[in-house]
Each structure stands twice: as structure tokens, then as C-alpha cells.
Amino acid sequence: VASEIRLTLFNLSHSNTLFALVAGVHSITTVSKVSVEAGKSISIPCLYGSKYQNHVKYLCEGQTWDSCRYAVKTNEADPSGKYLISDEKKQNIFTVTINELTDKNTDYWCVVEINNGPDYKKYFQLSVISTPSVYVDHQRITGYIGENITIRCHHSNSGAMKWCRLDRNCVTGSSGSTDRTTVTTYMREQNVFTVTMSGLRSNDSGWYLCAEGDIQIPVYLNVTEKPITTTTTAGNNKCKNIFMNSTYSKC
């Protein structure tokens, strides 16, 4: 998991040595490097400080800060549909989605716009290839309160795997916890790292990372109440009534 200290920079290139005067500690947290399949889409979470909930956020494209250009902003949609952005202010996370990936889509920055000062930013890199080195079956998944959920992380190398909550702790061994939720992992299948989260709670909703070395894949878990379905018979017709989140839907 990568984070950045806000600096007053004399050299803004991320790849060179920075000579800086610390102006205060603020951060953006996001992935560092993601391996993705050409032609597909990827969603990247960018976590920011709560005091910046009402600030404009944007995605900037370019290898260096000096050369990057706006891709999409929270107050200005991308008419091409290539880039999407949403801001979950209650969670202090904005999410950028990049569609129809090509090998030219490699270098990006998550940015919070600061009035009358340098913007806060964090660089991340995409590796767009035919077979990603770390990937999941679904980047967005749903689990139910009190139940378990299993995530399968596919990987092509033999490095150590870990499961992390964005900007929080990681589980690196066969068992551990994230925010008091029990996590177990195993690798019974070749090149598949399996993660099980047990006894889900509503506050387990959020972004997680499956990682091998410096390669990560973000996964969004939505934890909700499980729908309750009952079947009644009226004449020759069977009817299913669904109860979900205190809402009753009658057929």
C-alpha cells in the first residue's frame, strides 16, 4: 500500500531524487502497481484525508507530474467514456475507472485539488498485458452480514501473497484479521491464493488488495443484509416474496 507525505517540491518528477521542505503531513493512499489485461477495465481506489471531502478530485495521466494531463475530474466528466470517476465522501475514497485498456495506459496520478497551493497527488502504474500476473475473477463482490466470503487471487509467480485492507493491516500468513474480522488463506490450487473472510460485518465493506510483491489488484467488498425469499402458492401460481434491508417486495 502506497502513501505520500505532502511536500513543497523543487523537483516534481516522481522518478528523481526529491529535494523538499516538509510543509505538513497529508496523504493519498492508493495502489503502487497493477497488472491488467489488455482490452479490459480496471477500477482504482484513492483514499484521501477527511478534511478534503468537498475538494475536487481528478485523475492525471503521465509518467511525470510535470507532463501529466487531466484524464477526468469529479466536476467534469470525460465525454469519451474512457475514464470514469466517483467520490464516496463518507468513506473518503474516490474511485477512477479506466476502460478499454491498451499498452499506452500505464502512468497515472490520483490527485486532490488544493486551492491556493500545490495539489496532493500519488502516482500509480499499470502494466497492461495479455495475461496479468495477479488478478481476481471479479473486482467487485458482495457478501452478507454474518456469513463468509471467499476470494480467489490468481498469480503467475511463486512469491509470497498477502491480503490487505486499503491503508490498514495485511494478512501475510495462513490466518489473521482485518479490523477484527477473521481471515484465513491457503494455496491448495496451483497459482491460486484463496482468501476467506468469516463472520462479515457491515463495516467490512470497502477496498482490499490482493498482492504479490509490488503487484496488487484492488477488490471492492460490499457487505449487506442477505435477502430473505419466501415462496407462497396462490391457486396454480407460485409467488416469491423478497425481504431485503427492511424492504418488502411482493410479486
Protein backbone atom coordinates (compact mmCIF):
# COMPACT_ATOMS: atom_id res chain seq x y z
CA VAL A 1 0.00 0.00 0.00
CA ALA A 2 1.47 3.33 -1.02
CA SER A 3 1.03 6.70 0.64
CA GLU A 4 2.53 10.14 0.13
CA ILE A 5 3.65 12.89 2.51
CA ARG A 6 2.68 16.30 1.21
CA LEU A 7 5.83 18.20 0.29
CA THR A 8 6.77 21.54 -1.16
CA LEU A 9 8.79 20.26 -4.09
CA PHE A 10 11.62 21.81 -6.03
CA ASN A 11 11.76 18.81 -8.40
CA LEU A 12 8.35 17.27 -9.10
CA SER A 13 9.46 14.19 -11.06
CA HIS A 14 8.49 11.02 -9.18
CA SER A 15 11.48 9.15 -10.59
CA ASN A 16 14.21 11.55 -9.47
CA THR A 17 15.62 12.45 -6.10
CA LEU A 18 13.36 14.96 -4.40
CA PHE A 19 14.69 17.96 -2.57
CA ALA A 20 11.85 19.03 -0.39
CA LEU A 21 10.74 21.11 2.52
CA VAL A 22 8.09 19.35 4.58
CA ALA A 23 5.04 21.62 4.72
CA GLY A 24 2.76 19.33 6.72
CA VAL A 25 1.72 15.70 6.74
CA HIS A 26 -1.18 14.80 4.46
CA SER A 27 -1.56 11.75 2.31
CA ILE A 28 -3.25 9.98 -0.54
CA THR A 29 -3.23 6.20 -0.42
CA THR A 30 -3.65 4.01 -3.48
CA VAL A 31 -2.09 1.05 -5.27
CA SER A 32 1.51 1.17 -6.46
CA LYS A 33 1.40 -1.16 -9.49
CA VAL A 34 -1.42 -3.19 -11.04
CA SER A 35 -1.17 -5.85 -13.75
CA VAL A 36 -4.23 -5.78 -16.02
CA GLU A 37 -5.45 -7.48 -19.19
CA ALA A 38 -5.47 -5.53 -22.43
CA GLY A 39 -8.96 -4.57 -23.58
CA LYS A 40 -10.46 -4.84 -20.10
CA SER A 41 -11.32 -2.23 -17.44
CA ILE A 42 -9.79 -1.52 -14.04
CA SER A 43 -11.05 0.47 -11.05
CA ILE A 44 -8.51 2.12 -8.76
CA PRO A 45 -9.38 3.47 -5.27
CA CYS A 46 -7.72 6.65 -3.99
CA LEU A 47 -8.05 7.32 -0.26
CA TYR A 48 -7.75 10.91 1.00
CA GLY A 49 -7.96 12.85 4.27
CA SER A 50 -11.42 13.66 5.62
CA LYS A 51 -10.82 17.42 5.52
CA TYR A 52 -10.77 17.24 1.71
CA GLN A 53 -14.23 15.73 1.23
CA ASN A 54 -15.50 18.77 -0.65
CA HIS A 55 -12.43 19.29 -2.80
CA VAL A 56 -12.30 18.42 -6.50
CA LYS A 57 -10.53 15.15 -7.23
CA TYR A 58 -9.05 14.09 -10.54
CA LEU A 59 -7.01 11.52 -12.43
CA CYS A 60 -3.91 12.77 -14.22
CA GLU A 61 -2.16 10.75 -16.94
CA GLY A 62 1.60 10.93 -17.49
CA GLN A 63 4.87 9.44 -16.28
CA THR A 64 5.97 12.64 -14.55
CA TRP A 65 3.94 15.25 -12.72
CA ASP A 66 5.24 18.00 -14.99
CA SER A 67 4.00 16.21 -18.11
CA CYS A 68 0.71 14.73 -16.90
CA ARG A 69 -2.65 15.83 -18.29
CA TYR A 70 -6.19 15.71 -16.92
CA ALA A 71 -7.98 12.45 -17.70
CA VAL A 72 -11.18 13.02 -15.69
CA LYS A 73 -12.34 15.22 -12.78
CA THR A 74 -15.16 14.88 -10.28
CA ASN A 75 -16.66 18.12 -11.59
CA GLU A 76 -16.06 17.39 -15.27
CA ALA A 77 -17.00 14.09 -16.95
CA ASP A 78 -14.93 12.51 -19.72
CA PRO A 79 -17.16 12.67 -22.83
CA SER A 80 -15.33 9.75 -24.46
CA GLY A 81 -16.27 7.32 -21.68
CA LYS A 82 -12.67 6.13 -21.41
CA TYR A 83 -12.41 7.39 -17.84
CA LEU A 84 -14.96 7.43 -15.01
CA ILE A 85 -14.64 8.91 -11.54
CA SER A 86 -16.81 8.79 -8.42
CA ASP A 87 -16.29 10.24 -4.95
CA GLU A 88 -17.57 8.38 -1.87
CA LYS A 89 -17.21 11.25 0.57
CA LYS A 90 -18.39 9.32 3.62
CA GLN A 91 -15.58 6.82 3.04
CA ASN A 92 -13.06 9.49 1.94
CA ILE A 93 -12.32 7.49 -1.21
CA PHE A 94 -12.61 8.47 -4.82
CA THR A 95 -12.51 5.75 -7.44
CA VAL A 96 -11.29 6.04 -11.01
CA THR A 97 -12.16 3.51 -13.71
CA ILE A 98 -10.15 3.17 -16.92
CA ASN A 99 -11.90 1.34 -19.76
CA GLU A 100 -10.62 -0.46 -22.86
CA LEU A 101 -7.06 -0.66 -21.60
CA THR A 102 -4.12 -0.58 -24.01
CA ASP A 103 -0.36 -0.74 -23.52
CA LYS A 104 -0.34 3.07 -23.68
CA ASN A 105 -2.37 3.31 -20.45
CA THR A 106 0.50 2.98 -17.99
CA ASP A 107 1.20 6.02 -15.81
CA TYR A 108 -1.35 7.85 -13.66
CA TRP A 109 -1.76 10.07 -10.61
CA CYS A 110 -4.59 10.24 -8.08
CA VAL A 111 -4.94 13.92 -7.22
CA VAL A 112 -6.84 16.11 -4.75
CA GLU A 113 -7.13 19.70 -5.95
CA ILE A 114 -5.95 22.28 -3.40
CA ASN A 115 -6.97 25.89 -3.74
CA ASN A 116 -4.07 28.34 -3.41
CA GLY A 117 -1.49 25.59 -3.03
CA PRO A 118 0.08 22.53 -4.64
CA ASP A 119 -2.32 19.65 -5.26
CA TYR A 120 -1.94 16.42 -3.27
CA LYS A 121 -1.07 13.53 -5.52
CA LYS A 122 0.06 9.90 -5.63
CA TYR A 123 1.48 8.05 -8.62
CA PHE A 124 0.47 4.53 -9.66
CA GLN A 125 1.46 2.36 -12.59
CA LEU A 126 -0.49 -0.06 -14.79
CA SER A 127 1.12 -2.96 -16.60
CA VAL A 128 -1.24 -3.81 -19.48
CA ILE A 129 -0.50 -7.29 -20.85
CA SER A 130 -2.28 -10.31 -22.30
CA THR A 131 -2.07 -12.36 -19.08
CA PRO A 132 -1.92 -10.36 -15.81
CA SER A 133 0.49 -11.59 -13.16
CA VAL A 134 -2.07 -11.06 -10.35
CA TYR A 135 -5.82 -10.91 -10.94
CA VAL A 136 -9.19 -11.85 -9.44
CA ASP A 137 -12.33 -13.31 -11.01
CA HIS A 138 -14.39 -10.24 -10.05
CA GLN A 139 -13.11 -6.88 -8.87
CA ARG A 140 -16.40 -6.05 -7.11
CA ILE A 141 -18.02 -8.67 -4.89
CA THR A 142 -20.94 -8.83 -2.44
CA GLY A 143 -21.05 -10.61 0.91
CA TYR A 144 -23.75 -10.96 3.54
CA ILE A 145 -23.68 -9.95 7.20
CA GLY A 146 -22.73 -12.87 9.45
CA GLU A 147 -21.63 -15.09 6.58
CA ASN A 148 -18.29 -15.91 4.98
CA ILE A 149 -16.92 -14.90 1.61
CA THR A 150 -14.08 -16.41 -0.42
CA ILE A 151 -11.89 -14.54 -2.89
CA ARG A 152 -9.58 -16.33 -5.35
CA CYS A 153 -6.46 -14.41 -6.37
CA HIS A 154 -4.73 -15.84 -9.42
CA HIS A 155 -1.00 -15.28 -9.75
CA SER A 156 1.70 -16.42 -12.15
CA ASN A 157 4.78 -16.21 -9.94
CA SER A 158 5.83 -18.04 -6.79
CA GLY A 159 6.27 -15.05 -4.49
CA ALA A 160 4.63 -14.57 -1.11
CA MET A 161 1.00 -13.45 -1.30
CA LYS A 162 -0.86 -11.16 1.08
CA TRP A 163 -4.37 -9.79 1.62
CA CYS A 164 -4.67 -6.20 2.84
CA ARG A 165 -7.34 -3.68 3.61
CA LEU A 166 -6.53 -0.41 1.87
CA ASP A 167 -4.43 1.76 4.22
CA ARG A 168 -4.73 -0.79 7.04
CA ASN A 169 -3.16 -4.06 8.06
CA CYS A 170 -2.28 -7.06 5.88
CA VAL A 171 -2.63 -10.79 6.44
CA THR A 172 0.58 -12.45 5.27
CA GLY A 173 0.35 -15.90 6.82
CA SER A 174 -2.30 -18.61 6.80
CA SER A 175 -4.53 -16.69 9.21
CA GLY A 176 -5.01 -13.25 10.69
CA SER A 177 -7.57 -10.49 10.85
CA THR A 178 -8.55 -7.21 9.22
CA ASP A 179 -10.43 -4.87 11.55
CA ARG A 180 -11.32 -7.81 13.86
CA THR A 181 -12.72 -9.90 11.01
CA THR A 182 -11.07 -13.32 10.80
CA VAL A 183 -9.17 -14.04 7.59
CA THR A 184 -7.76 -17.40 6.54
CA THR A 185 -5.70 -18.07 3.42
CA TYR A 186 -4.42 -21.13 1.60
CA MET A 187 -2.90 -22.17 -1.72
CA ARG A 188 -4.30 -25.63 -2.44
CA GLU A 189 -4.65 -24.92 -6.15
CA GLN A 190 -1.62 -24.13 -8.25
CA ASN A 191 -1.20 -20.38 -8.74
CA VAL A 192 -4.39 -19.59 -6.78
CA PHE A 193 -4.24 -17.74 -3.46
CA THR A 194 -7.58 -18.26 -1.70
CA VAL A 195 -8.79 -15.82 0.96
CA THR A 196 -11.79 -16.43 3.23
CA MET A 197 -13.26 -13.70 5.43
CA SER A 198 -15.52 -15.07 8.16
CA GLY A 199 -18.45 -13.56 10.06
CA LEU A 200 -18.77 -10.50 7.87
CA ARG A 201 -19.93 -7.21 9.38
CA SER A 202 -21.29 -4.15 7.61
CA ASN A 203 -18.12 -2.18 8.32
CA ASP A 204 -16.12 -4.77 6.39
CA SER A 205 -17.37 -3.04 3.25
CA GLY A 206 -14.51 -1.33 1.47
CA TRP A 207 -11.44 -1.75 -0.70
CA TYR A 208 -8.94 -4.56 -0.26
CA LEU A 209 -5.74 -5.51 -2.06
CA CYS A 210 -4.51 -8.92 -3.11
CA ALA A 211 -0.77 -8.56 -3.61
CA GLU A 212 2.35 -10.41 -4.66
CA GLY A 213 5.48 -8.34 -4.20
CA ASP A 214 4.81 -4.88 -5.62
CA ILE A 215 1.94 -6.08 -7.85
CA GLN A 216 -1.55 -5.52 -6.44
CA ILE A 217 -5.14 -5.95 -7.55
CA PRO A 218 -7.80 -3.91 -5.72
CA VAL A 219 -11.06 -5.65 -4.75
CA TYR A 220 -14.20 -3.88 -3.51
CA LEU A 221 -16.29 -5.81 -0.98
CA ASN A 222 -19.88 -4.71 -0.36
CA VAL A 223 -21.37 -6.27 2.78
CA THR A 224 -25.14 -6.11 3.07
CA GLU A 225 -28.11 -7.93 4.58
CA LYS A 226 -28.96 -11.19 2.88
CA PRO A 227 -32.29 -11.15 1.02
CA ILE A 228 -34.92 -13.41 2.58
CA THR A 229 -37.03 -15.19 -0.01
CA THR A 230 -40.28 -16.96 0.82
CA THR A 231 -42.45 -18.92 -1.59
CA THR A 232 -46.24 -18.93 -1.37
CA THR A 233 -48.82 -20.65 -3.54
CA ALA A 234 -51.93 -18.87 -4.83
CA GLY A 235 -54.04 -21.19 -6.92
CA ASN A 236 -51.72 -22.69 -9.50
CA ASN A 237 -49.25 -19.81 -9.31
CA LYS A 238 -46.12 -19.77 -7.19
CA CYS A 239 -45.05 -16.40 -5.88
CA LYS A 240 -41.72 -15.37 -4.37
CA ASN A 241 -41.70 -12.57 -1.81
CA ILE A 242 -38.35 -10.95 -1.14
CA PHE A 243 -37.37 -9.13 2.06
CA MET A 244 -34.17 -7.09 1.88
CA ASN A 245 -32.87 -4.21 4.01
CA SER A 246 -36.28 -3.87 5.72
CA THR A 247 -37.99 -3.55 2.34
CA TYR A 248 -40.76 -5.93 1.33
CA SER A 249 -41.23 -6.72 -2.35
CA LYS A 250 -44.42 -8.58 -3.18
CA CYS A 251 -44.88 -10.31 -6.52
